[in-house]
Amino acid sequence: ADNRAIFEGIAALNPSGEYFLDIEKLKAFAQIYGNHVEQRNLETECKTLAKFLERIPMKPKCLQDLMLVILPHKLVFESMYNLLVIALTLPVTSAEAERCFSCMKRVKNYLRNSMTNERLADLMQLAIY
């Protein structure tokens, strides 16, 4: 259920989507990240943002465009800004984590478990970056 709420919340932030600024989907998304989003202001921010977007000449077409529009006004649209930051920074796949574990497996096998955790962490940083 959480994954669905996340996807629907991101869809509700997409200016070119059919669910753009759907308050119910945004509330469900915000509830998952409750510590980072002020849910009390979300409905008011959605209504204000909709009116604000009607008045600007260059309409946002994607999440990044919407972020660029909101960024100068992030104190006014604080909850929407935080939701956009979350949506834009969520990893799309687990490939990065899988690469890290694969790299750790190679490093650990090569040195045959004869190292401390601190040394393993240092070698992993060198191998990954």
N, C-alpha and C. Protein backbone atom coordinates (compact mmCIF):
# COMPACT_ATOMS: atom_id res chain seq x y z
N ALA A 1 0.82 -1.19 0.00
CA ALA A 1 0.00 0.00 0.00
C ALA A 1 0.86 1.26 0.00
N ASP A 2 2.00 1.22 0.73
CA ASP A 2 2.87 2.39 0.77
C ASP A 2 3.45 2.70 -0.60
N ASN A 3 3.85 1.65 -1.33
CA ASN A 3 4.43 1.89 -2.66
C ASN A 3 3.41 2.55 -3.58
N ARG A 4 2.19 2.10 -3.50
CA ARG A 4 1.14 2.69 -4.35
C ARG A 4 0.94 4.16 -4.00
N ALA A 5 0.92 4.46 -2.70
CA ALA A 5 0.74 5.85 -2.27
C ALA A 5 1.90 6.72 -2.73
N ILE A 6 3.10 6.16 -2.73
CA ILE A 6 4.27 6.91 -3.20
C ILE A 6 4.15 7.21 -4.68
N PHE A 7 3.82 6.19 -5.48
CA PHE A 7 3.69 6.40 -6.92
C PHE A 7 2.55 7.37 -7.25
N GLU A 8 1.44 7.21 -6.56
CA GLU A 8 0.31 8.11 -6.81
C GLU A 8 0.63 9.53 -6.36
N GLY A 9 1.39 9.66 -5.27
CA GLY A 9 1.80 10.99 -4.80
C GLY A 9 2.71 11.68 -5.80
N ILE A 10 3.63 10.91 -6.36
CA ILE A 10 4.53 11.49 -7.38
C ILE A 10 3.72 11.88 -8.61
N ALA A 11 2.75 11.05 -8.97
CA ALA A 11 1.88 11.38 -10.11
C ALA A 11 1.09 12.66 -9.84
N ALA A 12 0.71 12.87 -8.60
CA ALA A 12 -0.05 14.08 -8.24
C ALA A 12 0.83 15.33 -8.24
N LEU A 13 2.14 15.14 -8.28
CA LEU A 13 3.06 16.27 -8.36
C LEU A 13 3.47 16.59 -9.80
N ASN A 14 3.10 15.72 -10.72
CA ASN A 14 3.48 15.88 -12.12
C ASN A 14 2.50 16.82 -12.82
N PRO A 15 2.97 18.00 -13.24
CA PRO A 15 2.07 18.98 -13.87
C PRO A 15 1.40 18.50 -15.15
N SER A 16 1.98 17.54 -15.84
CA SER A 16 1.37 17.06 -17.08
C SER A 16 0.50 15.83 -16.86
N GLY A 17 0.37 15.39 -15.62
CA GLY A 17 -0.43 14.20 -15.31
C GLY A 17 -1.88 14.54 -15.03
N GLU A 18 -2.73 13.54 -15.14
CA GLU A 18 -4.16 13.75 -14.92
C GLU A 18 -4.52 13.94 -13.45
N TYR A 19 -3.63 13.54 -12.54
CA TYR A 19 -3.90 13.67 -11.10
C TYR A 19 -3.17 14.85 -10.47
N PHE A 20 -2.72 15.79 -11.27
CA PHE A 20 -1.93 16.91 -10.76
C PHE A 20 -2.65 17.64 -9.64
N LEU A 21 -1.98 17.77 -8.52
CA LEU A 21 -2.46 18.43 -7.30
C LEU A 21 -3.71 17.78 -6.71
N ASP A 22 -3.86 16.47 -6.92
CA ASP A 22 -4.94 15.71 -6.29
C ASP A 22 -4.63 15.62 -4.79
N ILE A 23 -5.40 16.31 -4.00
CA ILE A 23 -5.10 16.48 -2.58
C ILE A 23 -5.10 15.15 -1.82
N GLU A 24 -5.97 14.23 -2.17
CA GLU A 24 -6.03 12.95 -1.47
C GLU A 24 -4.76 12.13 -1.71
N LYS A 25 -4.29 12.12 -2.95
CA LYS A 25 -3.06 11.39 -3.27
C LYS A 25 -1.85 12.06 -2.61
N LEU A 26 -1.85 13.37 -2.58
CA LEU A 26 -0.74 14.09 -1.94
C LEU A 26 -0.74 13.90 -0.42
N LYS A 27 -1.93 13.84 0.18
CA LYS A 27 -2.01 13.59 1.62
C LYS A 27 -1.48 12.21 1.98
N ALA A 28 -1.83 11.21 1.17
CA ALA A 28 -1.35 9.84 1.42
C ALA A 28 0.17 9.78 1.27
N PHE A 29 0.69 10.48 0.28
CA PHE A 29 2.15 10.55 0.07
C PHE A 29 2.82 11.26 1.23
N ALA A 30 2.24 12.36 1.67
CA ALA A 30 2.80 13.15 2.77
C ALA A 30 2.76 12.37 4.09
N GLN A 31 1.75 11.55 4.25
CA GLN A 31 1.62 10.78 5.48
C GLN A 31 2.78 9.80 5.65
N ILE A 32 3.25 9.25 4.55
CA ILE A 32 4.39 8.32 4.60
C ILE A 32 5.64 9.03 5.09
N TYR A 33 5.82 10.28 4.68
CA TYR A 33 6.99 11.07 5.06
C TYR A 33 6.59 12.16 6.05
N GLY A 34 5.76 11.80 7.01
CA GLY A 34 5.17 12.74 7.96
C GLY A 34 6.14 13.64 8.68
N ASN A 35 7.32 13.17 9.01
CA ASN A 35 8.29 13.99 9.73
C ASN A 35 8.84 15.13 8.89
N HIS A 36 8.76 15.01 7.57
CA HIS A 36 9.36 15.99 6.67
C HIS A 36 8.34 16.93 6.03
N VAL A 37 7.08 16.62 6.18
CA VAL A 37 6.04 17.39 5.50
C VAL A 37 4.98 17.84 6.50
N GLU A 38 4.68 19.11 6.47
CA GLU A 38 3.63 19.67 7.32
C GLU A 38 2.29 19.44 6.63
N GLN A 39 1.55 18.44 7.08
CA GLN A 39 0.33 18.03 6.40
C GLN A 39 -0.82 19.02 6.60
N ARG A 40 -0.80 19.77 7.67
CA ARG A 40 -1.91 20.71 7.94
C ARG A 40 -2.02 21.76 6.84
N ASN A 41 -0.90 22.16 6.27
CA ASN A 41 -0.89 23.24 5.28
C ASN A 41 -1.03 22.74 3.84
N LEU A 42 -1.02 21.44 3.66
CA LEU A 42 -0.93 20.88 2.31
C LEU A 42 -2.12 21.28 1.43
N GLU A 43 -3.31 21.20 1.94
CA GLU A 43 -4.48 21.52 1.12
C GLU A 43 -4.48 22.99 0.71
N THR A 44 -4.16 23.87 1.63
CA THR A 44 -4.09 25.30 1.34
C THR A 44 -3.00 25.58 0.31
N GLU A 45 -1.86 24.93 0.48
CA GLU A 45 -0.75 25.12 -0.47
C GLU A 45 -1.15 24.65 -1.87
N CYS A 46 -1.87 23.55 -1.96
CA CYS A 46 -2.30 23.04 -3.28
C CYS A 46 -3.20 24.05 -3.98
N LYS A 47 -4.17 24.59 -3.25
CA LYS A 47 -5.08 25.57 -3.84
C LYS A 47 -4.33 26.84 -4.25
N THR A 48 -3.42 27.29 -3.39
CA THR A 48 -2.65 28.50 -3.69
C THR A 48 -1.73 28.26 -4.88
N LEU A 49 -1.10 27.08 -4.92
CA LEU A 49 -0.20 26.76 -6.02
C LEU A 49 -0.96 26.69 -7.34
N ALA A 50 -2.15 26.12 -7.34
CA ALA A 50 -2.95 26.03 -8.56
C ALA A 50 -3.25 27.43 -9.10
N LYS A 51 -3.62 28.34 -8.21
CA LYS A 51 -3.90 29.73 -8.63
C LYS A 51 -2.63 30.42 -9.10
N PHE A 52 -1.53 30.16 -8.41
CA PHE A 52 -0.24 30.75 -8.78
C PHE A 52 0.20 30.29 -10.17
N LEU A 53 0.02 28.99 -10.45
CA LEU A 53 0.43 28.44 -11.75
C LEU A 53 -0.42 28.98 -12.90
N GLU A 54 -1.66 29.35 -12.61
CA GLU A 54 -2.52 29.93 -13.65
C GLU A 54 -2.00 31.29 -14.10
N ARG A 55 -1.31 31.97 -13.22
CA ARG A 55 -0.88 33.35 -13.49
C ARG A 55 0.51 33.46 -14.11
N ILE A 56 1.29 32.39 -14.10
CA ILE A 56 2.64 32.51 -14.66
C ILE A 56 2.61 32.14 -16.14
N PRO A 57 3.43 32.81 -16.95
CA PRO A 57 3.39 32.57 -18.39
C PRO A 57 3.97 31.21 -18.81
N MET A 58 5.04 30.80 -18.15
CA MET A 58 5.71 29.55 -18.52
C MET A 58 5.20 28.42 -17.61
N LYS A 59 4.36 27.57 -18.15
CA LYS A 59 3.76 26.48 -17.37
C LYS A 59 4.76 25.33 -17.21
N PRO A 60 4.88 24.79 -16.00
CA PRO A 60 5.77 23.64 -15.80
C PRO A 60 5.20 22.40 -16.49
N LYS A 61 6.12 21.57 -17.02
CA LYS A 61 5.70 20.37 -17.74
C LYS A 61 6.09 19.09 -17.02
N CYS A 62 7.02 19.18 -16.07
CA CYS A 62 7.49 17.99 -15.36
C CYS A 62 7.84 18.37 -13.92
N LEU A 63 8.24 17.39 -13.14
CA LEU A 63 8.58 17.64 -11.73
C LEU A 63 9.71 18.65 -11.58
N GLN A 64 10.72 18.55 -12.43
CA GLN A 64 11.86 19.47 -12.35
C GLN A 64 11.43 20.90 -12.65
N ASP A 65 10.57 21.07 -13.65
CA ASP A 65 10.05 22.41 -13.96
C ASP A 65 9.27 22.98 -12.79
N LEU A 66 8.44 22.14 -12.18
CA LEU A 66 7.66 22.58 -11.03
C LEU A 66 8.58 22.98 -9.88
N MET A 67 9.64 22.23 -9.69
CA MET A 67 10.61 22.57 -8.64
C MET A 67 11.24 23.93 -8.90
N LEU A 68 11.58 24.20 -10.15
CA LEU A 68 12.17 25.50 -10.49
C LEU A 68 11.20 26.65 -10.26
N VAL A 69 9.91 26.39 -10.45
CA VAL A 69 8.89 27.42 -10.21
C VAL A 69 8.73 27.65 -8.70
N ILE A 70 8.72 26.57 -7.94
CA ILE A 70 8.48 26.66 -6.49
C ILE A 70 9.71 27.14 -5.71
N LEU A 71 10.88 26.81 -6.20
CA LEU A 71 12.12 27.09 -5.46
C LEU A 71 12.23 28.51 -4.92
N PRO A 72 11.97 29.55 -5.72
CA PRO A 72 12.06 30.91 -5.15
C PRO A 72 10.98 31.21 -4.09
N HIS A 73 9.96 30.36 -4.04
CA HIS A 73 8.85 30.57 -3.11
C HIS A 73 8.74 29.40 -2.13
N LYS A 74 9.86 28.76 -1.83
CA LYS A 74 9.80 27.54 -1.02
C LYS A 74 9.31 27.79 0.41
N LEU A 75 9.41 29.00 0.90
CA LEU A 75 8.87 29.29 2.23
C LEU A 75 7.34 29.37 2.21
N VAL A 76 6.79 29.75 1.08
CA VAL A 76 5.33 29.83 0.93
C VAL A 76 4.76 28.43 0.69
N PHE A 77 5.43 27.66 -0.15
CA PHE A 77 4.98 26.30 -0.51
C PHE A 77 5.89 25.26 0.15
N GLU A 78 6.06 25.38 1.44
CA GLU A 78 7.02 24.53 2.16
C GLU A 78 6.71 23.04 2.04
N SER A 79 5.46 22.66 2.24
CA SER A 79 5.08 21.24 2.16
C SER A 79 5.24 20.71 0.74
N MET A 80 4.78 21.49 -0.23
CA MET A 80 4.91 21.07 -1.63
C MET A 80 6.39 20.97 -2.01
N TYR A 81 7.19 21.91 -1.55
CA TYR A 81 8.62 21.88 -1.81
C TYR A 81 9.24 20.60 -1.24
N ASN A 82 8.89 20.28 0.01
CA ASN A 82 9.44 19.07 0.63
C ASN A 82 9.00 17.80 -0.09
N LEU A 83 7.75 17.75 -0.53
CA LEU A 83 7.29 16.59 -1.29
C LEU A 83 8.03 16.47 -2.63
N LEU A 84 8.27 17.60 -3.27
CA LEU A 84 9.02 17.57 -4.54
C LEU A 84 10.46 17.10 -4.32
N VAL A 85 11.08 17.55 -3.24
CA VAL A 85 12.44 17.11 -2.94
C VAL A 85 12.46 15.59 -2.74
N ILE A 86 11.48 15.09 -2.00
CA ILE A 86 11.40 13.64 -1.78
C ILE A 86 11.19 12.91 -3.11
N ALA A 87 10.25 13.39 -3.91
CA ALA A 87 9.94 12.73 -5.18
C ALA A 87 11.14 12.74 -6.13
N LEU A 88 11.88 13.83 -6.15
CA LEU A 88 13.01 13.94 -7.07
C LEU A 88 14.26 13.20 -6.60
N THR A 89 14.29 12.84 -5.32
CA THR A 89 15.49 12.15 -4.82
C THR A 89 15.27 10.68 -4.53
N LEU A 90 14.04 10.19 -4.67
CA LEU A 90 13.81 8.76 -4.46
C LEU A 90 14.51 7.96 -5.56
N PRO A 91 15.22 6.92 -5.17
CA PRO A 91 15.86 6.09 -6.21
C PRO A 91 14.81 5.33 -7.01
N VAL A 92 15.03 5.24 -8.29
CA VAL A 92 14.07 4.57 -9.16
C VAL A 92 14.27 3.06 -9.13
N THR A 93 15.51 2.63 -8.98
CA THR A 93 15.82 1.20 -8.94
C THR A 93 16.73 0.91 -7.76
N SER A 94 16.99 -0.36 -7.55
CA SER A 94 17.92 -0.78 -6.50
C SER A 94 19.29 -1.12 -7.08
N ALA A 95 19.54 -0.73 -8.32
CA ALA A 95 20.79 -1.09 -8.99
C ALA A 95 22.03 -0.58 -8.24
N GLU A 96 21.95 0.64 -7.72
CA GLU A 96 23.10 1.21 -7.00
C GLU A 96 23.44 0.38 -5.76
N ALA A 97 22.43 0.00 -5.00
CA ALA A 97 22.67 -0.83 -3.81
C ALA A 97 23.23 -2.19 -4.20
N GLU A 98 22.70 -2.76 -5.27
CA GLU A 98 23.19 -4.06 -5.73
C GLU A 98 24.65 -3.97 -6.17
N ARG A 99 25.00 -2.89 -6.84
CA ARG A 99 26.41 -2.70 -7.25
C ARG A 99 27.32 -2.60 -6.04
N CYS A 100 26.87 -1.90 -5.02
CA CYS A 100 27.68 -1.74 -3.80
C CYS A 100 27.93 -3.09 -3.13
N PHE A 101 26.87 -3.90 -3.01
CA PHE A 101 27.04 -5.21 -2.37
C PHE A 101 27.90 -6.13 -3.23
N SER A 102 27.78 -6.02 -4.53
CA SER A 102 28.62 -6.82 -5.41
C SER A 102 30.09 -6.43 -5.26
N CYS A 103 30.32 -5.13 -5.18
CA CYS A 103 31.69 -4.64 -4.99
C CYS A 103 32.22 -5.08 -3.63
N MET A 104 31.40 -5.02 -2.59
CA MET A 104 31.83 -5.44 -1.26
C MET A 104 32.18 -6.92 -1.26
N LYS A 105 31.41 -7.71 -1.99
CA LYS A 105 31.68 -9.15 -2.07
C LYS A 105 33.06 -9.40 -2.69
N ARG A 106 33.39 -8.66 -3.75
CA ARG A 106 34.70 -8.81 -4.38
C ARG A 106 35.82 -8.39 -3.44
N VAL A 107 35.66 -7.25 -2.79
CA VAL A 107 36.70 -6.75 -1.88
C VAL A 107 36.88 -7.71 -0.71
N LYS A 108 35.80 -8.17 -0.12
CA LYS A 108 35.85 -9.04 1.05
C LYS A 108 36.46 -10.40 0.68
N ASN A 109 36.09 -10.96 -0.47
CA ASN A 109 36.66 -12.24 -0.90
C ASN A 109 38.14 -12.12 -1.17
N TYR A 110 38.53 -11.02 -1.77
CA TYR A 110 39.93 -10.84 -2.12
C TYR A 110 40.80 -10.82 -0.87
N LEU A 111 40.36 -10.20 0.15
CA LEU A 111 41.17 -10.09 1.37
C LEU A 111 40.80 -11.13 2.42
N ARG A 112 39.91 -12.04 2.09
CA ARG A 112 39.59 -13.21 2.90
C ARG A 112 39.23 -12.94 4.36
N ASN A 113 38.37 -12.01 4.57
CA ASN A 113 37.83 -11.77 5.90
C ASN A 113 38.89 -11.46 6.97
N SER A 114 40.06 -11.04 6.55
CA SER A 114 41.13 -10.79 7.53
C SER A 114 41.24 -9.32 7.90
N MET A 115 40.19 -8.57 7.65
CA MET A 115 40.26 -7.14 7.92
C MET A 115 39.19 -6.72 8.91
N THR A 116 39.41 -5.59 9.49
CA THR A 116 38.42 -5.04 10.41
C THR A 116 37.31 -4.36 9.61
N ASN A 117 36.21 -4.08 10.28
CA ASN A 117 35.10 -3.40 9.61
C ASN A 117 35.50 -2.00 9.16
N GLU A 118 36.34 -1.34 9.93
CA GLU A 118 36.79 0.01 9.56
C GLU A 118 37.59 -0.03 8.26
N ARG A 119 38.47 -1.01 8.13
CA ARG A 119 39.26 -1.13 6.90
C ARG A 119 38.37 -1.49 5.71
N LEU A 120 37.40 -2.38 5.95
CA LEU A 120 36.46 -2.74 4.88
C LEU A 120 35.70 -1.50 4.42
N ALA A 121 35.23 -0.68 5.34
CA ALA A 121 34.50 0.53 4.97
C ALA A 121 35.37 1.47 4.15
N ASP A 122 36.63 1.62 4.56
CA ASP A 122 37.56 2.49 3.81
C ASP A 122 37.82 1.94 2.41
N LEU A 123 38.02 0.64 2.29
CA LEU A 123 38.26 0.04 0.97
C LEU A 123 37.02 0.12 0.09
N MET A 124 35.84 -0.01 0.71
CA MET A 124 34.61 0.09 -0.07
C MET A 124 34.44 1.50 -0.65
N GLN A 125 34.79 2.51 0.12
CA GLN A 125 34.69 3.87 -0.40
C GLN A 125 35.64 4.06 -1.58
N LEU A 126 36.83 3.51 -1.47
CA LEU A 126 37.77 3.62 -2.59
C LEU A 126 37.26 2.85 -3.81
N ALA A 127 36.71 1.67 -3.59
CA ALA A 127 36.27 0.84 -4.72
C ALA A 127 35.03 1.40 -5.40
N ILE A 128 34.13 1.99 -4.63
CA ILE A 128 32.88 2.50 -5.21
C ILE A 128 33.07 3.84 -5.88
N TYR A 129 33.80 4.74 -5.24
CA TYR A 129 33.98 6.07 -5.80
C TYR A 129 35.21 6.10 -6.58
